[in-house]
Protein backbone atom coordinates (compact mmCIF):
# COMPACT_ATOMS: atom_id res chain seq x y z
CA UNK A 1 103.08 75.71 93.55
CA UNK A 2 101.91 76.42 89.93
CA UNK A 3 103.01 79.05 87.48
CA UNK A 4 101.18 80.46 84.62
CA UNK A 5 102.79 82.83 81.69
CA UNK A 6 100.86 85.57 79.96
CA UNK A 7 101.53 87.91 76.93
CA UNK A 8 100.28 91.47 77.53
CA UNK A 9 97.78 91.86 73.98
CA UNK A 10 96.45 95.25 75.28
CA UNK A 11 97.49 97.90 73.06
CA UNK A 12 98.54 100.36 75.63
CA UNK A 13 99.97 97.97 77.99
CA UNK A 14 98.98 97.11 81.48
CA UNK A 15 97.41 100.67 82.08
CA UNK A 16 94.79 101.94 84.71
CA UNK A 17 91.83 99.70 83.76
CA UNK A 18 93.66 96.51 83.33
CA UNK A 19 95.64 97.15 86.55
CA UNK A 20 92.32 97.67 88.44
CA UNK A 21 90.83 94.35 86.78
CA UNK A 22 93.87 92.35 87.64
CA UNK A 23 94.31 93.83 90.93
CA UNK A 24 90.58 93.09 91.54
CA UNK A 25 90.98 89.22 90.71
CA UNK A 26 93.54 88.54 92.80
CA UNK A 27 92.36 90.68 95.92
CA UNK A 28 89.23 88.05 95.61
CA UNK A 29 91.63 85.12 96.45
CA UNK A 30 92.21 84.80 100.09
CA UNK A 31 94.85 82.81 101.81
CA UNK A 32 96.79 82.44 98.98
CA UNK A 33 100.56 83.32 97.91
CA UNK A 34 100.77 85.13 94.74
CA UNK A 35 103.84 86.28 92.94
CA UNK A 36 103.61 88.31 89.47
CA UNK A 37 106.92 88.43 87.57
CA UNK A 38 107.19 90.93 84.65
CA UNK A 39 110.13 89.08 82.27
CA UNK A 40 110.67 92.03 80.40
CA UNK A 41 112.02 94.05 83.36
CA UNK A 42 113.18 90.77 85.65
CA UNK A 43 113.69 92.98 88.54
CA UNK A 44 110.11 93.57 88.98
CA UNK A 45 108.33 91.49 91.50
CA UNK A 46 105.12 91.99 92.71
CA UNK A 47 103.44 90.17 95.43
CA UNK A 48 100.33 89.12 97.47
CA UNK A 49 99.98 87.62 100.37
CA UNK A 50 98.35 88.01 103.61
CA UNK A 51 101.53 90.69 104.60
CA UNK A 52 101.21 92.35 101.27
CA UNK A 53 98.72 93.56 99.19
CA UNK A 54 99.25 94.06 95.39
CA UNK A 55 98.67 97.58 94.17
CA UNK A 56 97.40 99.45 91.19
CA UNK A 57 99.89 102.09 91.67
CA UNK A 58 102.71 99.55 91.79
CA UNK A 59 101.47 98.12 88.64
CA UNK A 60 100.89 101.02 86.40
CA UNK A 61 104.56 102.82 87.18
CA UNK A 62 106.44 99.49 86.31
CA UNK A 63 106.13 100.40 82.47
CA UNK A 64 104.91 96.96 81.60
CA UNK A 65 103.79 97.57 78.02
CA UNK A 66 102.07 95.31 75.21
CA UNK A 67 104.00 92.00 74.44
CA UNK A 68 105.56 91.91 77.79
CA UNK A 69 105.64 88.56 79.34
CA UNK A 70 104.19 87.89 83.11
CA UNK A 71 104.71 85.09 85.04
CA UNK A 72 101.81 84.18 87.83
CA UNK A 73 103.07 81.61 90.54
CA UNK A 74 100.68 80.09 93.17
CA UNK A 75 101.36 78.93 95.84
CA UNK A 76 100.12 77.27 99.14
CA UNK A 77 96.75 76.27 97.98
CA UNK A 78 94.92 73.14 96.91
CA UNK A 79 94.61 72.26 93.01
CA UNK A 80 90.93 72.78 92.83
CA UNK A 81 91.64 76.12 94.19
CA UNK A 82 94.53 76.50 91.76
CA UNK A 83 91.89 75.66 88.69
CA UNK A 84 90.00 78.12 89.82
CA UNK A 85 92.35 80.96 90.33
CA UNK A 86 93.96 80.08 86.78
CA UNK A 87 90.13 80.39 85.30
CA UNK A 88 89.74 83.65 87.05
CA UNK A 89 92.87 84.95 85.80
CA UNK A 90 92.80 83.84 82.23
CA UNK A 91 89.28 85.71 82.20
CA UNK A 92 91.11 89.39 82.59
CA UNK A 93 91.00 90.36 78.75
CA UNK A 94 94.18 92.26 78.29
CA UNK A 95 96.86 89.29 78.59
CA UNK A 96 96.48 85.62 77.02
CA UNK A 97 98.05 82.70 78.70
CA UNK A 98 100.90 81.28 77.18
CA UNK A 99 100.80 77.35 76.74
């Protein structure tokens, strides 16, 4: 499993457009378990796998604001796919990867 940390940099937080972009990116990934946690609201966890699809509404109603840290955990895949997923997620403009 690989964990990536991102900080929300969009001044309006995770509103409809970035939520849509994130869901579109995640839905391109097949046969991978992904867990997204908002460390600002630690009880809020979002899942994407073969049984549960990530939704735009669940993201935009979560109150994810600028400065929030999101942790994306990628499981059940190869290192090559992890690298491709990481590159895809880093390309999204509303957050910055935290090293």
